[in-house]
Amino acid sequence: MNKSFTGMILSGIMLIATSCASIVSKSNYPISINSTPSEAKISITDKKGKQIYIGQTPAIVKLESGSGFFGKARYQVVLEKPGYTPKTIPVTFKLDGWYFGNILLGGVIGMLIVDPATGAMYKLDTEFINETLVQNALTSSSKEALKVYTLNEVPPEWKDHLTAVGQ
């Protein structure tokens, strides 16, 4: 057999066996997570509720784009810091435009097997999370607050100003 003919056959097989999104894209993506204030606890769970990462801001975490055959990954990022209200941010993936390159280059195998199995048919919707945490009202240093006292806790100088209610 001619070497150039064998090379053409091997090239044709490789072209058919590969897929466009798997070649051009990737199946995991880095996401940058920052918060104000910094050093907030990061907890990331996947769509099944399995915790896949715990750390602190700032951080860069690699997330898988696929979740099973033809399954798009989804994550919940929770930012927590004592004295601040926790914040939950959804992280989603969208269909990668290169997936449709299979029509021209990757063929049926790329479109129905390789890209769906590797998750390369999806790409990260947002690459950055930069959230400002809100200070808890209960822990803020506000001077005005509603306080409830029992009758025994009321200072003696206030007792002259008390009014009976509900008698």
Protein backbone atom coordinates (compact mmCIF):
# COMPACT_ATOMS: atom_id res chain seq x y z
CA MET A 1 0.00 0.00 0.00
CA ASN A 2 1.17 3.52 -0.80
CA LYS A 3 2.40 5.59 2.21
CA SER A 4 0.42 8.67 1.19
CA PHE A 5 -2.75 6.59 0.80
CA THR A 6 -2.22 5.06 4.29
CA GLY A 7 -1.62 8.55 5.71
CA MET A 8 -4.85 9.82 4.13
CA ILE A 9 -6.81 6.90 5.62
CA LEU A 10 -5.31 7.48 9.08
CA SER A 11 -6.01 11.22 8.82
CA GLY A 12 -9.59 10.51 7.78
CA ILE A 13 -10.11 8.12 10.70
CA MET A 14 -8.64 10.65 13.15
CA LEU A 15 -10.88 13.38 11.74
CA ILE A 16 -13.97 11.21 12.09
CA ALA A 17 -13.03 9.92 15.56
CA THR A 18 -12.38 13.34 17.05
CA SER A 19 -14.78 16.14 17.74
CA CYS A 20 -14.64 19.85 17.25
CA ALA A 21 -15.41 21.10 20.77
CA SER A 22 -13.03 18.55 22.31
CA ILE A 23 -10.22 19.84 20.10
CA VAL A 24 -10.87 23.58 20.36
CA SER A 25 -12.43 23.82 23.84
CA LYS A 26 -11.86 22.04 27.15
CA SER A 27 -13.86 20.07 29.68
CA ASN A 28 -12.89 22.02 32.81
CA TYR A 29 -12.61 25.76 33.37
CA PRO A 30 -10.96 27.96 35.99
CA ILE A 31 -13.23 30.38 37.83
CA SER A 32 -11.88 33.27 39.90
CA ILE A 33 -13.71 33.84 43.21
CA ASN A 34 -13.21 37.07 45.19
CA SER A 35 -15.12 38.76 47.98
CA THR A 36 -15.21 42.01 49.89
CA PRO A 37 -14.18 41.56 52.66
CA SER A 38 -11.60 38.99 51.65
CA GLU A 39 -10.88 35.70 53.39
CA ALA A 40 -14.51 34.60 53.26
CA LYS A 41 -15.10 30.85 53.38
CA ILE A 42 -15.90 29.33 49.97
CA SER A 43 -17.98 26.17 49.74
CA ILE A 44 -18.82 24.75 46.29
CA THR A 45 -21.38 21.99 45.73
CA ASP A 46 -22.36 20.30 42.47
CA LYS A 47 -25.91 19.79 41.22
CA LYS A 48 -26.19 16.56 43.23
CA GLY A 49 -25.37 18.44 46.44
CA LYS A 50 -21.88 16.92 46.75
CA GLN A 51 -19.32 19.32 48.18
CA ILE A 52 -16.40 19.57 45.76
CA TYR A 53 -14.37 22.45 47.20
CA ILE A 54 -13.77 24.30 50.48
CA GLY A 55 -11.39 27.24 50.73
CA GLN A 56 -11.10 31.01 51.22
CA THR A 57 -11.29 34.03 48.97
CA PRO A 58 -9.50 34.92 46.84
CA ALA A 59 -9.27 31.61 44.97
CA ILE A 60 -9.15 30.12 41.51
CA VAL A 61 -11.00 26.80 41.22
CA LYS A 62 -11.24 24.48 38.19
CA LEU A 63 -14.78 23.24 37.56
CA GLU A 64 -15.82 20.38 35.27
CA SER A 65 -18.19 21.51 32.51
CA GLY A 66 -20.01 18.21 32.09
CA SER A 67 -22.04 16.14 34.51
CA GLY A 68 -22.54 12.76 32.90
CA PHE A 69 -23.39 11.94 29.30
CA PHE A 70 -25.09 14.99 27.70
CA GLY A 71 -25.30 16.48 31.22
CA LYS A 72 -24.43 20.12 31.82
CA ALA A 73 -22.72 20.88 35.15
CA ARG A 74 -24.22 23.31 37.68
CA TYR A 75 -22.66 24.49 40.91
CA GLN A 76 -23.59 26.55 43.97
CA VAL A 77 -20.87 28.75 45.45
CA VAL A 78 -21.56 29.83 49.03
CA LEU A 79 -19.52 32.68 50.55
CA GLU A 80 -19.58 32.99 54.34
CA LYS A 81 -17.79 35.15 56.88
CA PRO A 82 -18.64 35.65 60.56
CA GLY A 83 -20.69 38.83 61.02
CA TYR A 84 -21.87 38.82 57.39
CA THR A 85 -24.92 37.40 55.64
CA PRO A 86 -23.98 34.28 53.61
CA LYS A 87 -24.30 34.65 49.85
CA THR A 88 -25.10 31.87 47.35
CA ILE A 89 -24.07 32.29 43.73
CA PRO A 90 -25.10 29.82 41.03
CA VAL A 91 -22.44 28.84 38.47
CA THR A 92 -23.76 27.53 35.17
CA PHE A 93 -22.44 26.34 31.85
CA LYS A 94 -23.84 26.96 28.38
CA LEU A 95 -23.57 25.21 25.05
CA ASP A 96 -20.22 25.85 23.39
CA GLY A 97 -20.54 27.13 19.81
CA TRP A 98 -17.67 24.87 18.75
CA TYR A 99 -19.94 21.88 19.40
CA PHE A 100 -21.72 22.68 16.15
CA GLY A 101 -18.39 22.45 14.33
CA ASN A 102 -18.99 18.70 14.49
CA ILE A 103 -21.39 19.12 11.60
CA LEU A 104 -18.42 20.01 9.39
CA LEU A 105 -15.41 18.42 11.10
CA GLY A 106 -16.19 15.99 13.89
CA GLY A 107 -19.08 14.12 12.40
CA VAL A 108 -21.70 12.08 14.16
CA ILE A 109 -19.19 10.45 16.53
CA GLY A 110 -18.00 13.83 17.78
CA MET A 111 -21.50 15.23 18.09
CA LEU A 112 -23.17 12.26 19.76
CA ILE A 113 -20.36 10.54 21.67
CA VAL A 114 -17.07 12.38 22.25
CA ASP A 115 -18.22 15.91 23.15
CA PRO A 116 -21.22 14.77 25.27
CA ALA A 117 -19.06 12.24 27.14
CA THR A 118 -16.19 14.64 27.87
CA GLY A 119 -18.35 17.68 28.68
CA ALA A 120 -16.48 19.69 26.03
CA MET A 121 -19.81 20.66 24.46
CA TYR A 122 -20.32 23.12 27.36
CA LYS A 123 -18.39 26.20 28.44
CA LEU A 124 -18.41 28.31 31.59
CA ASP A 125 -21.03 31.06 31.53
CA THR A 126 -19.07 33.41 33.81
CA GLU A 127 -15.36 33.30 34.64
CA PHE A 128 -15.38 35.65 37.64
CA ILE A 129 -17.29 35.89 40.91
CA ASN A 130 -16.68 39.13 42.79
CA GLU A 131 -19.21 39.57 45.58
CA THR A 132 -19.59 42.11 48.37
CA LEU A 133 -20.86 40.55 51.57
CA VAL A 134 -23.40 42.50 53.62
CA GLN A 135 -22.76 42.92 57.33
CA ASN A 136 -25.36 41.23 59.54
CA ALA A 137 -27.79 43.61 61.22
CA LEU A 138 -27.44 41.63 64.47
CA THR A 139 -23.68 42.09 64.60
CA SER A 140 -23.39 45.61 63.25
CA SER A 141 -22.21 48.30 65.64
CA SER A 142 -25.38 50.34 65.44
CA LYS A 143 -26.02 52.37 68.62
CA GLU A 144 -29.78 52.30 68.18
CA ALA A 145 -31.39 48.97 68.91
CA LEU A 146 -34.57 47.57 70.37
CA LYS A 147 -33.91 45.88 73.69
CA VAL A 148 -36.40 43.86 75.71
CA TYR A 149 -36.05 43.79 79.50
CA THR A 150 -37.78 41.73 82.17
CA LEU A 151 -39.26 43.72 85.04
CA ASN A 152 -36.32 42.70 87.25
CA GLU A 153 -33.80 44.05 84.70
CA VAL A 154 -35.37 47.52 84.43
CA PRO A 155 -33.15 50.15 86.11
CA PRO A 156 -34.77 51.71 89.22
CA GLU A 157 -34.75 55.24 87.70
CA TRP A 158 -36.97 53.99 84.82
CA LYS A 159 -39.62 52.37 87.05
CA ASP A 160 -41.40 55.72 87.68
CA HIS A 161 -42.03 56.01 83.92
CA LEU A 162 -43.52 52.53 83.41
CA THR A 163 -47.15 52.16 82.42
CA ALA A 164 -49.18 48.99 83.01
CA VAL A 165 -50.49 47.44 79.80
CA GLY A 166 -53.42 45.05 79.48
CA GLN A 167 -55.11 45.49 82.88
